[in-house]
PDB file of all heavy atoms in Angstrom:
ATOM      1  N   GLY A   1      -1.984  11.566 -10.925  1.00  0.00           N
ATOM      2  CA  GLY A   1      -2.291  12.615 -11.893  1.00  0.00           C
ATOM      3  C   GLY A   1      -2.947  13.765 -11.178  1.00  0.00           C
ATOM      4  O   GLY A   1      -3.577  13.586 -10.128  1.00  0.00           O
ATOM      5  N   SER A   2      -2.818  14.967 -11.736  1.00  0.00           N
ATOM      6  CA  SER A   2      -3.336  16.147 -11.040  1.00  0.00           C
ATOM      7  C   SER A   2      -4.843  16.099 -10.858  1.00  0.00           C
ATOM      8  O   SER A   2      -5.391  16.741  -9.958  1.00  0.00           O
ATOM      9  CB  SER A   2      -2.947  17.417 -11.807  1.00  0.00           C
ATOM     10  OG  SER A   2      -3.466  17.373 -13.135  1.00  0.00           O
ATOM     11  N   ALA A   3      -5.535  15.318 -11.684  1.00  0.00           N
ATOM     12  CA  ALA A   3      -6.997  15.243 -11.584  1.00  0.00           C
ATOM     13  C   ALA A   3      -7.468  13.957 -10.931  1.00  0.00           C
ATOM     14  O   ALA A   3      -8.674  13.713 -10.835  1.00  0.00           O
ATOM     15  CB  ALA A   3      -7.614  15.375 -12.984  1.00  0.00           C
ATOM     16  N   ASN A   4      -6.540  13.111 -10.475  1.00  0.00           N
ATOM     17  CA  ASN A   4      -6.907  11.817  -9.897  1.00  0.00           C
ATOM     18  C   ASN A   4      -6.302  11.646  -8.508  1.00  0.00           C
ATOM     19  O   ASN A   4      -5.279  12.250  -8.183  1.00  0.00           O
ATOM     20  CB  ASN A   4      -6.407  10.674 -10.785  1.00  0.00           C
ATOM     21  CG  ASN A   4      -6.966  10.750 -12.186  1.00  0.00           C
ATOM     22  OD1 ASN A   4      -8.169  10.862 -12.364  1.00  0.00           O
ATOM     23  ND2 ASN A   4      -6.074  10.695 -13.176  1.00  0.00           N
ATOM     24  N   LEU A   5      -6.951  10.780  -7.701  1.00  0.00           N
ATOM     25  CA  LEU A   5      -6.386  10.445  -6.396  1.00  0.00           C
ATOM     26  C   LEU A   5      -5.175   9.533  -6.589  1.00  0.00           C
ATOM     27  O   LEU A   5      -5.262   8.547  -7.343  1.00  0.00           O
ATOM     28  CB  LEU A   5      -7.430   9.720  -5.537  1.00  0.00           C
ATOM     29  CG  LEU A   5      -8.493  10.583  -4.847  1.00  0.00           C
ATOM     30  CD1 LEU A   5      -9.522   9.679  -4.171  1.00  0.00           C
ATOM     31  CD2 LEU A   5      -7.845  11.495  -3.812  1.00  0.00           C
ATOM     32  N   PRO A   6      -4.047   9.814  -5.949  1.00  0.00           N
ATOM     33  CA  PRO A   6      -2.898   8.909  -6.039  1.00  0.00           C
ATOM     34  C   PRO A   6      -3.273   7.525  -5.510  1.00  0.00           C
ATOM     35  O   PRO A   6      -3.877   7.398  -4.435  1.00  0.00           O
ATOM     36  CB  PRO A   6      -1.851   9.577  -5.145  1.00  0.00           C
ATOM     37  CG  PRO A   6      -2.253  11.015  -5.111  1.00  0.00           C
ATOM     38  CD  PRO A   6      -3.743  11.020  -5.165  1.00  0.00           C
ATOM     39  N   THR A   7      -2.943   6.506  -6.279  1.00  0.00           N
ATOM     40  CA  THR A   7      -3.272   5.130  -5.908  1.00  0.00           C
ATOM     41  C   THR A   7      -2.009   4.283  -5.973  1.00  0.00           C
ATOM     42  O   THR A   7      -1.262   4.341  -6.943  1.00  0.00           O
ATOM     43  CB  THR A   7      -4.330   4.542  -6.866  1.00  0.00           C
ATOM     44  OG1 THR A   7      -5.473   5.384  -6.875  1.00  0.00           O
ATOM     45  CG2 THR A   7      -4.746   3.143  -6.418  1.00  0.00           C
ATOM     46  N   SER A   8      -1.795   3.503  -4.933  1.00  0.00           N
ATOM     47  CA  SER A   8      -0.608   2.655  -4.860  1.00  0.00           C
ATOM     48  C   SER A   8      -1.014   1.194  -4.779  1.00  0.00           C
ATOM     49  O   SER A   8      -1.912   0.826  -4.016  1.00  0.00           O
ATOM     50  CB  SER A   8       0.230   3.022  -3.635  1.00  0.00           C
ATOM     51  OG  SER A   8       1.268   2.085  -3.441  1.00  0.00           O
ATOM     52  N   THR A   9      -0.345   0.361  -5.554  1.00  0.00           N
ATOM     53  CA  THR A   9      -0.501  -1.089  -5.490  1.00  0.00           C
ATOM     54  C   THR A   9       0.840  -1.673  -5.050  1.00  0.00           C
ATOM     55  O   THR A   9       1.879  -1.364  -5.631  1.00  0.00           O
ATOM     56  CB  THR A   9      -0.880  -1.674  -6.859  1.00  0.00           C
ATOM     57  OG1 THR A   9      -2.072  -1.040  -7.312  1.00  0.00           O
ATOM     58  CG2 THR A   9      -1.114  -3.175  -6.760  1.00  0.00           C
ATOM     59  N   VAL A  10       0.821  -2.506  -4.013  1.00  0.00           N
ATOM     60  CA  VAL A  10       2.051  -3.053  -3.441  1.00  0.00           C
ATOM     61  C   VAL A  10       1.914  -4.552  -3.248  1.00  0.00           C
ATOM     62  O   VAL A  10       0.865  -5.040  -2.819  1.00  0.00           O
ATOM     63  CB  VAL A  10       2.389  -2.386  -2.090  1.00  0.00           C
ATOM     64  CG1 VAL A  10       3.636  -3.018  -1.473  1.00  0.00           C
ATOM     65  CG2 VAL A  10       2.588  -0.889  -2.251  1.00  0.00           C
ATOM     66  N   ALA A  11       2.988  -5.277  -3.559  1.00  0.00           N
ATOM     67  CA  ALA A  11       3.070  -6.709  -3.273  1.00  0.00           C
ATOM     68  C   ALA A  11       4.235  -6.949  -2.325  1.00  0.00           C
ATOM     69  O   ALA A  11       5.337  -6.425  -2.527  1.00  0.00           O
ATOM     70  CB  ALA A  11       3.269  -7.506  -4.553  1.00  0.00           C
ATOM     71  N   LEU A  12       3.997  -7.721  -1.267  1.00  0.00           N
ATOM     72  CA  LEU A  12       5.004  -8.034  -0.254  1.00  0.00           C
ATOM     73  C   LEU A  12       5.084  -9.528  -0.027  1.00  0.00           C
ATOM     74  O   LEU A  12       4.124 -10.266  -0.295  1.00  0.00           O
ATOM     75  CB  LEU A  12       4.649  -7.390   1.089  1.00  0.00           C
ATOM     76  CG  LEU A  12       4.501  -5.894   1.242  1.00  0.00           C
ATOM     77  CD1 LEU A  12       4.094  -5.587   2.674  1.00  0.00           C
ATOM     78  CD2 LEU A  12       5.806  -5.207   0.895  1.00  0.00           C
ATOM     79  N   THR A  13       6.214  -9.976   0.533  1.00  0.00           N
ATOM     80  CA  THR A  13       6.257 -11.290   1.175  1.00  0.00           C
ATOM     81  C   THR A  13       6.323 -11.044   2.673  1.00  0.00           C
ATOM     82  O   THR A  13       7.042 -10.152   3.140  1.00  0.00           O
ATOM     83  CB  THR A  13       7.468 -12.127   0.727  1.00  0.00           C
ATOM     84  OG1 THR A  13       8.671 -11.374   0.946  1.00  0.00           O
ATOM     85  CG2 THR A  13       7.361 -12.505  -0.731  1.00  0.00           C
ATOM     86  N   THR A  14       5.579 -11.789   3.439  1.00  0.00           N
ATOM     87  CA  THR A  14       5.494 -11.620   4.882  1.00  0.00           C
ATOM     88  C   THR A  14       6.579 -12.443   5.578  1.00  0.00           C
ATOM     89  O   THR A  14       7.229 -13.293   4.943  1.00  0.00           O
ATOM     90  CB  THR A  14       4.111 -12.061   5.408  1.00  0.00           C
ATOM     91  OG1 THR A  14       4.029 -13.493   5.302  1.00  0.00           O
ATOM     92  CG2 THR A  14       2.992 -11.415   4.584  1.00  0.00           C
ATOM     93  N   PRO A  15       6.782 -12.237   6.888  1.00  0.00           N
ATOM     94  CA  PRO A  15       7.765 -13.051   7.621  1.00  0.00           C
ATOM     95  C   PRO A  15       7.452 -14.545   7.548  1.00  0.00           C
ATOM     96  O   PRO A  15       8.348 -15.375   7.731  1.00  0.00           O
ATOM     97  CB  PRO A  15       7.654 -12.522   9.049  1.00  0.00           C
ATOM     98  CG  PRO A  15       7.216 -11.110   8.883  1.00  0.00           C
ATOM     99  CD  PRO A  15       6.264 -11.129   7.716  1.00  0.00           C
ATOM    100  N   ASP A  16       6.189 -14.903   7.264  1.00  0.00           N
ATOM    101  CA  ASP A  16       5.814 -16.310   7.145  1.00  0.00           C
ATOM    102  C   ASP A  16       6.008 -16.849   5.732  1.00  0.00           C
ATOM    103  O   ASP A  16       5.695 -18.014   5.454  1.00  0.00           O
ATOM    104  CB  ASP A  16       4.347 -16.496   7.559  1.00  0.00           C
ATOM    105  CG  ASP A  16       4.114 -16.112   9.009  1.00  0.00           C
ATOM    106  OD1 ASP A  16       5.031 -16.337   9.823  1.00  0.00           O
ATOM    107  OD2 ASP A  16       3.035 -15.582   9.319  1.00  0.00           O
ATOM    108  N   GLY A  17       6.496 -16.003   4.813  1.00  0.00           N
ATOM    109  CA  GLY A  17       6.730 -16.442   3.449  1.00  0.00           C
ATOM    110  C   GLY A  17       5.542 -16.298   2.525  1.00  0.00           C
ATOM    111  O   GLY A  17       5.603 -16.670   1.349  1.00  0.00           O
ATOM    112  N   GLU A  18       4.456 -15.726   3.019  1.00  0.00           N
ATOM    113  CA  GLU A  18       3.248 -15.557   2.210  1.00  0.00           C
ATOM    114  C   GLU A  18       3.361 -14.297   1.347  1.00  0.00           C
ATOM    115  O   GLU A  18       3.848 -13.271   1.797  1.00  0.00           O
ATOM    116  CB  GLU A  18       2.030 -15.455   3.140  1.00  0.00           C
ATOM    117  CG  GLU A  18       0.716 -15.247   2.425  1.00  0.00           C
ATOM    118  CD  GLU A  18      -0.442 -14.997   3.390  1.00  0.00           C
ATOM    119  OE1 GLU A  18      -0.182 -14.930   4.626  1.00  0.00           O
ATOM    120  OE2 GLU A  18      -1.580 -14.841   2.923  1.00  0.00           O
ATOM    121  N   ARG A  19       2.893 -14.375   0.113  1.00  0.00           N
ATOM    122  CA  ARG A  19       2.844 -13.204  -0.756  1.00  0.00           C
ATOM    123  C   ARG A  19       1.476 -12.548  -0.602  1.00  0.00           C
ATOM    124  O   ARG A  19       0.441 -13.218  -0.727  1.00  0.00           O
ATOM    125  CB  ARG A  19       3.083 -13.572  -2.217  1.00  0.00           C
ATOM    126  CG  ARG A  19       3.016 -12.356  -3.156  1.00  0.00           C
ATOM    127  CD  ARG A  19       3.145 -12.768  -4.607  1.00  0.00           C
ATOM    128  NE  ARG A  19       2.782 -11.665  -5.492  1.00  0.00           N
ATOM    129  CZ  ARG A  19       3.623 -11.072  -6.333  1.00  0.00           C
ATOM    130  NH1 ARG A  19       4.876 -11.471  -6.403  1.00  0.00           N
ATOM    131  NH2 ARG A  19       3.199 -10.098  -7.113  1.00  0.00           N
ATOM    132  N   VAL A  20       1.486 -11.245  -0.331  1.00  0.00           N
ATOM    133  CA  VAL A  20       0.234 -10.492  -0.164  1.00  0.00           C
ATOM    134  C   VAL A  20       0.315  -9.228  -1.006  1.00  0.00           C
ATOM    135  O   VAL A  20       1.401  -8.695  -1.251  1.00  0.00           O
ATOM    136  CB  VAL A  20      -0.018 -10.126   1.314  1.00  0.00           C
ATOM    137  CG1 VAL A  20      -0.268 -11.364   2.143  1.00  0.00           C
ATOM    138  CG2 VAL A  20       1.160  -9.335   1.894  1.00  0.00           C
ATOM    139  N   GLU A  21      -0.832  -8.744  -1.475  1.00  0.00           N
ATOM    140  CA  GLU A  21      -0.840  -7.489  -2.215  1.00  0.00           C
ATOM    141  C   GLU A  21      -2.204  -6.833  -2.098  1.00  0.00           C
ATOM    142  O   GLU A  21      -3.216  -7.489  -1.870  1.00  0.00           O
ATOM    143  CB  GLU A  21      -0.483  -7.700  -3.683  1.00  0.00           C
ATOM    144  CG  GLU A  21      -1.384  -8.643  -4.461  1.00  0.00           C
ATOM    145  CD  GLU A  21      -0.890  -8.816  -5.890  1.00  0.00           C
ATOM    146  OE1 GLU A  21       0.011  -9.644  -6.116  1.00  0.00           O
ATOM    147  OE2 GLU A  21      -1.424  -8.089  -6.755  1.00  0.00           O
ATOM    148  N   THR A  22      -2.210  -5.512  -2.225  1.00  0.00           N
ATOM    149  CA  THR A  22      -3.445  -4.740  -2.184  1.00  0.00           C
ATOM    150  C   THR A  22      -3.165  -3.362  -2.756  1.00  0.00           C
ATOM    151  O   THR A  22      -2.024  -3.046  -3.122  1.00  0.00           O
ATOM    152  CB  THR A  22      -3.999  -4.637  -0.747  1.00  0.00           C
ATOM    153  OG1 THR A  22      -5.340  -4.134  -0.794  1.00  0.00           O
ATOM    154  CG2 THR A  22      -3.153  -3.706   0.115  1.00  0.00           C
ATOM    155  N   ALA A  23      -4.204  -2.533  -2.825  1.00  0.00           N
ATOM    156  CA  ALA A  23      -4.069  -1.167  -3.328  1.00  0.00           C
ATOM    157  C   ALA A  23      -4.814  -0.218  -2.409  1.00  0.00           C
ATOM    158  O   ALA A  23      -5.859  -0.567  -1.843  1.00  0.00           O
ATOM    159  CB  ALA A  23      -4.612  -1.056  -4.751  1.00  0.00           C
ATOM    160  N   CYS A  24      -4.253   0.989  -2.224  1.00  0.00           N
ATOM    161  CA  CYS A  24      -4.882   2.016  -1.395  1.00  0.00           C
ATOM    162  C   CYS A  24      -4.643   3.384  -2.025  1.00  0.00           C
ATOM    163  O   CYS A  24      -3.738   3.556  -2.852  1.00  0.00           O
ATOM    164  CB  CYS A  24      -4.317   2.006   0.025  1.00  0.00           C
ATOM    165  SG  CYS A  24      -4.757   0.555   1.003  1.00  0.00           S
ATOM    166  N   ILE A  25      -5.448   4.345  -1.619  1.00  0.00           N
ATOM    167  CA  ILE A  25      -5.274   5.716  -2.084  1.00  0.00           C
ATOM    168  C   ILE A  25      -4.664   6.557  -0.973  1.00  0.00           C
ATOM    169  O   ILE A  25      -4.575   6.132   0.183  1.00  0.00           O
ATOM    170  CB  ILE A  25      -6.613   6.337  -2.536  1.00  0.00           C
ATOM    171  CG1 ILE A  25      -7.599   6.356  -1.358  1.00  0.00           C
ATOM    172  CG2 ILE A  25      -7.189   5.575  -3.720  1.00  0.00           C
ATOM    173  CD1 ILE A  25      -8.885   7.115  -1.656  1.00  0.00           C
ATOM    174  N   GLY A  26      -4.230   7.759  -1.329  1.00  0.00           N
ATOM    175  CA  GLY A  26      -3.696   8.705  -0.358  1.00  0.00           C
ATOM    176  C   GLY A  26      -3.783  10.109  -0.911  1.00  0.00           C
ATOM    177  O   GLY A  26      -4.057  10.302  -2.114  1.00  0.00           O
ATOM    178  N   SER A  27      -3.546  11.092  -0.071  1.00  0.00           N
ATOM    179  CA  SER A  27      -3.590  12.478  -0.545  1.00  0.00           C
ATOM    180  C   SER A  27      -2.370  12.827  -1.391  1.00  0.00           C
ATOM    181  O   SER A  27      -2.359  13.826  -2.096  1.00  0.00           O
ATOM    182  CB  SER A  27      -3.704  13.443   0.644  1.00  0.00           C
ATOM    183  OG  SER A  27      -2.628  13.256   1.540  1.00  0.00           O
ATOM    184  N   GLY A  28      -1.334  12.002  -1.315  1.00  0.00           N
ATOM    185  CA  GLY A  28      -0.131  12.163  -2.118  1.00  0.00           C
ATOM    186  C   GLY A  28       0.446  10.794  -2.411  1.00  0.00           C
ATOM    187  O   GLY A  28      -0.006   9.780  -1.856  1.00  0.00           O
ATOM    188  N   SER A  29       1.443  10.739  -3.264  1.00  0.00           N
ATOM    189  CA  SER A  29       2.004   9.445  -3.676  1.00  0.00           C
ATOM    190  C   SER A  29       2.634   8.692  -2.500  1.00  0.00           C
ATOM    191  O   SER A  29       2.444   7.483  -2.345  1.00  0.00           O
ATOM    192  CB  SER A  29       3.043   9.658  -4.778  1.00  0.00           C
ATOM    193  OG  SER A  29       2.461  10.243  -5.909  1.00  0.00           O
ATOM    194  N   VAL A  30       3.420   9.406  -1.677  1.00  0.00           N
ATOM    195  CA  VAL A  30       4.072   8.750  -0.540  1.00  0.00           C
ATOM    196  C   VAL A  30       3.026   8.230   0.435  1.00  0.00           C
ATOM    197  O   VAL A  30       3.123   7.096   0.928  1.00  0.00           O
ATOM    198  CB  VAL A  30       5.047   9.714   0.167  1.00  0.00           C
ATOM    199  CG1 VAL A  30       5.582   9.092   1.454  1.00  0.00           C
ATOM    200  CG2 VAL A  30       6.205  10.088  -0.754  1.00  0.00           C
ATOM    201  N   GLU A  31       1.998   9.036   0.726  1.00  0.00           N
ATOM    202  CA  GLU A  31       0.959   8.584   1.654  1.00  0.00           C
ATOM    203  C   GLU A  31       0.224   7.374   1.089  1.00  0.00           C
ATOM    204  O   GLU A  31      -0.125   6.450   1.830  1.00  0.00           O
ATOM    205  CB  GLU A  31      -0.030   9.700   1.947  1.00  0.00           C
ATOM    206  CG  GLU A  31      -1.027   9.295   3.014  1.00  0.00           C
ATOM    207  CD  GLU A  31      -2.115  10.320   3.259  1.00  0.00           C
ATOM    208  OE1 GLU A  31      -2.380  11.142   2.368  1.00  0.00           O
ATOM    209  OE2 GLU A  31      -2.714  10.283   4.345  1.00  0.00           O
ATOM    210  N   ALA A  32       0.004   7.351  -0.217  1.00  0.00           N
ATOM    211  CA  ALA A  32      -0.655   6.200  -0.826  1.00  0.00           C
ATOM    212  C   ALA A  32       0.171   4.931  -0.628  1.00  0.00           C
ATOM    213  O   ALA A  32      -0.363   3.861  -0.300  1.00  0.00           O
ATOM    214  CB  ALA A  32      -0.892   6.460  -2.313  1.00  0.00           C
ATOM    215  N   VAL A  33       1.491   5.049  -0.831  1.00  0.00           N
ATOM    216  CA  VAL A  33       2.379   3.899  -0.605  1.00  0.00           C
ATOM    217  C   VAL A  33       2.328   3.461   0.848  1.00  0.00           C
ATOM    218  O   VAL A  33       2.196   2.262   1.156  1.00  0.00           O
ATOM    219  CB  VAL A  33       3.826   4.247  -1.022  1.00  0.00           C
ATOM    220  CG1 VAL A  33       4.783   3.133  -0.595  1.00  0.00           C
ATOM    221  CG2 VAL A  33       3.919   4.463  -2.520  1.00  0.00           C
ATOM    222  N   PHE A  34       2.420   4.407   1.769  1.00  0.00           N
ATOM    223  CA  PHE A  34       2.419   4.072   3.194  1.00  0.00           C
ATOM    224  C   PHE A  34       1.074   3.468   3.621  1.00  0.00           C
ATOM    225  O   PHE A  34       1.033   2.532   4.419  1.00  0.00           O
ATOM    226  CB  PHE A  34       2.738   5.312   4.025  1.00  0.00           C
ATOM    227  CG  PHE A  34       4.205   5.679   4.041  1.00  0.00           C
ATOM    228  CD1 PHE A  34       4.648   6.797   4.741  1.00  0.00           C
ATOM    229  CD2 PHE A  34       5.142   4.921   3.369  1.00  0.00           C
ATOM    230  CE1 PHE A  34       5.991   7.144   4.766  1.00  0.00           C
ATOM    231  CE2 PHE A  34       6.482   5.250   3.380  1.00  0.00           C
ATOM    232  CZ  PHE A  34       6.912   6.373   4.077  1.00  0.00           C
ATOM    233  N   ASN A  35      -0.025   4.011   3.118  1.00  0.00           N
ATOM    234  CA  ASN A  35      -1.344   3.457   3.450  1.00  0.00           C
ATOM    235  C   ASN A  35      -1.454   2.010   2.979  1.00  0.00           C
ATOM    236  O   ASN A  35      -2.029   1.153   3.664  1.00  0.00           O
ATOM    237  CB  ASN A  35      -2.450   4.296   2.815  1.00  0.00           C
ATOM    238  CG  ASN A  35      -2.650   5.625   3.515  1.00  0.00           C
ATOM    239  OD1 ASN A  35      -2.181   5.825   4.630  1.00  0.00           O
ATOM    240  ND2 ASN A  35      -3.336   6.538   2.861  1.00  0.00           N
ATOM    241  N   THR A  36      -0.909   1.720   1.797  1.00  0.00           N
ATOM    242  CA  THR A  36      -0.949   0.356   1.263  1.00  0.00           C
ATOM    243  C   THR A  36      -0.093  -0.578   2.099  1.00  0.00           C
ATOM    244  O   THR A  36      -0.510  -1.705   2.418  1.00  0.00           O
ATOM    245  CB  THR A  36      -0.470   0.342  -0.202  1.00  0.00           C
ATOM    246  OG1 THR A  36      -1.132   1.375  -0.927  1.00  0.00           O
ATOM    247  CG2 THR A  36      -0.768  -0.989  -0.850  1.00  0.00           C
ATOM    248  N   LEU A  37       1.096  -0.137   2.449  1.00  0.00           N
ATOM    249  CA  LEU A  37       1.972  -0.960   3.292  1.00  0.00           C
ATOM    250  C   LEU A  37       1.324  -1.231   4.642  1.00  0.00           C
ATOM    251  O   LEU A  37       1.385  -2.356   5.163  1.00  0.00           O
ATOM    252  CB  LEU A  37       3.319  -0.269   3.485  1.00  0.00           C
ATOM    253  CG  LEU A  37       4.227  -0.181   2.248  1.00  0.00           C
ATOM    254  CD1 LEU A  37       5.389   0.760   2.505  1.00  0.00           C
ATOM    255  CD2 LEU A  37       4.736  -1.566   1.864  1.00  0.00           C
ATOM    256  N   GLU A  38       0.723  -0.212   5.214  1.00  0.00           N
ATOM    257  CA  GLU A  38       0.086  -0.378   6.523  1.00  0.00           C
ATOM    258  C   GLU A  38      -1.065  -1.375   6.448  1.00  0.00           C
ATOM    259  O   GLU A  38      -1.307  -2.128   7.393  1.00  0.00           O
ATOM    260  CB  GLU A  38      -0.414   0.974   7.037  1.00  0.00           C
ATOM    261  CG  GLU A  38      -0.766   0.975   8.506  1.00  0.00           C
ATOM    262  CD  GLU A  38      -0.941   2.367   9.060  1.00  0.00           C
ATOM    263  OE1 GLU A  38      -0.499   3.342   8.418  1.00  0.00           O
ATOM    264  OE2 GLU A  38      -1.526   2.491  10.156  1.00  0.00           O
ATOM    265  N   ALA A  39      -1.769  -1.399   5.314  1.00  0.00           N
ATOM    266  CA  ALA A  39      -2.871  -2.349   5.139  1.00  0.00           C
ATOM    267  C   ALA A  39      -2.366  -3.784   5.021  1.00  0.00           C
ATOM    268  O   ALA A  39      -3.061  -4.736   5.408  1.00  0.00           O
ATOM    269  CB  ALA A  39      -3.682  -1.975   3.902  1.00  0.00           C
ATOM    270  N   LEU A  40      -1.151  -3.954   4.497  1.00  0.00           N
ATOM    271  CA  LEU A  40      -0.595  -5.287   4.300  1.00  0.00           C
ATOM    272  C   LEU A  40       0.130  -5.832   5.519  1.00  0.00           C
ATOM    273  O   LEU A  40       0.199  -7.040   5.733  1.00  0.00           O
ATOM    274  CB  LEU A  40       0.379  -5.269   3.109  1.00  0.00           C
ATOM    275  CG  LEU A  40      -0.238  -5.056   1.731  1.00  0.00           C
ATOM    276  CD1 LEU A  40       0.858  -4.857   0.695  1.00  0.00           C
ATOM    277  CD2 LEU A  40      -1.125  -6.233   1.345  1.00  0.00           C
ATOM    278  N   VAL A  41       0.709  -4.955   6.310  1.00  0.00           N
ATOM    279  CA  VAL A  41       1.501  -5.368   7.469  1.00  0.00           C
ATOM    280  C   VAL A  41       0.575  -5.643   8.653  1.00  0.00           C
ATOM    281  O   VAL A  41      -0.310  -4.843   8.962  1.00  0.00           O
ATOM    282  CB  VAL A  41       2.536  -4.276   7.814  1.00  0.00           C
ATOM    283  CG1 VAL A  41       3.202  -4.573   9.146  1.00  0.00           C
ATOM    284  CG2 VAL A  41       3.585  -4.172   6.708  1.00  0.00           C
ATOM    285  N   LYS A  42       0.811  -6.753   9.324  1.00  0.00           N
ATOM    286  CA  LYS A  42      -0.077  -7.157  10.420  1.00  0.00           C
ATOM    287  C   LYS A  42       0.145  -6.347  11.693  1.00  0.00           C
ATOM    288  O   LYS A  42      -0.736  -6.242  12.537  1.00  0.00           O
ATOM    289  CB  LYS A  42       0.133  -8.641  10.725  1.00  0.00           C
ATOM    290  CG  LYS A  42      -0.232  -9.568   9.569  1.00  0.00           C
ATOM    291  CD  LYS A  42       0.078 -11.013   9.911  1.00  0.00           C
ATOM    292  CE  LYS A  42      -0.247 -11.927   8.739  1.00  0.00           C
ATOM    293  NZ  LYS A  42       0.085 -13.349   9.041  1.00  0.00           N
ATOM    294  N   GLU A  43       1.339  -5.797  11.831  1.00  0.00           N
ATOM    295  CA  GLU A  43       1.664  -5.064  13.054  1.00  0.00           C
ATOM    296  C   GLU A  43       0.869  -3.757  13.151  1.00  0.00           C
ATOM    297  O   GLU A  43       0.457  -3.184  12.142  1.00  0.00           O
ATOM    298  CB  GLU A  43       3.157  -4.760  13.092  1.00  0.00           C
ATOM    299  CG  GLU A  43       4.013  -5.895  13.611  1.00  0.00           C
ATOM    300  CD  GLU A  43       3.939  -7.137  12.741  1.00  0.00           C
ATOM    301  OE1 GLU A  43       3.924  -7.024  11.512  1.00  0.00           O
ATOM    302  OE2 GLU A  43       3.873  -8.224  13.320  1.00  0.00           O
ATOM    303  N   GLU A  44       0.712  -3.290  14.395  1.00  0.00           N
ATOM    304  CA  GLU A  44       0.048  -1.994  14.627  1.00  0.00           C
ATOM    305  C   GLU A  44       1.078  -0.882  14.458  1.00  0.00           C
ATOM    306  O   GLU A  44       2.086  -0.847  15.149  1.00  0.00           O
ATOM    307  CB  GLU A  44      -0.542  -1.955  16.041  1.00  0.00           C
ATOM    308  CG  GLU A  44      -1.313  -0.667  16.327  1.00  0.00           C
ATOM    309  CD  GLU A  44      -1.898  -0.647  17.729  1.00  0.00           C
ATOM    310  OE1 GLU A  44      -2.043  -1.741  18.322  1.00  0.00           O
ATOM    311  OE2 GLU A  44      -2.201   0.442  18.219  1.00  0.00           O
TER     312      GLU A  44
END
């Protein structure tokens, strides 16, 4: 929303078959999604 920070909630299954999920903010919707994915993925 124009008055709120974009927030993304994402659920993934990992290569080990585990289900993980979390939420992150970003300066825009795409960045919020990417920040959330980066928080869930173990790789650098």
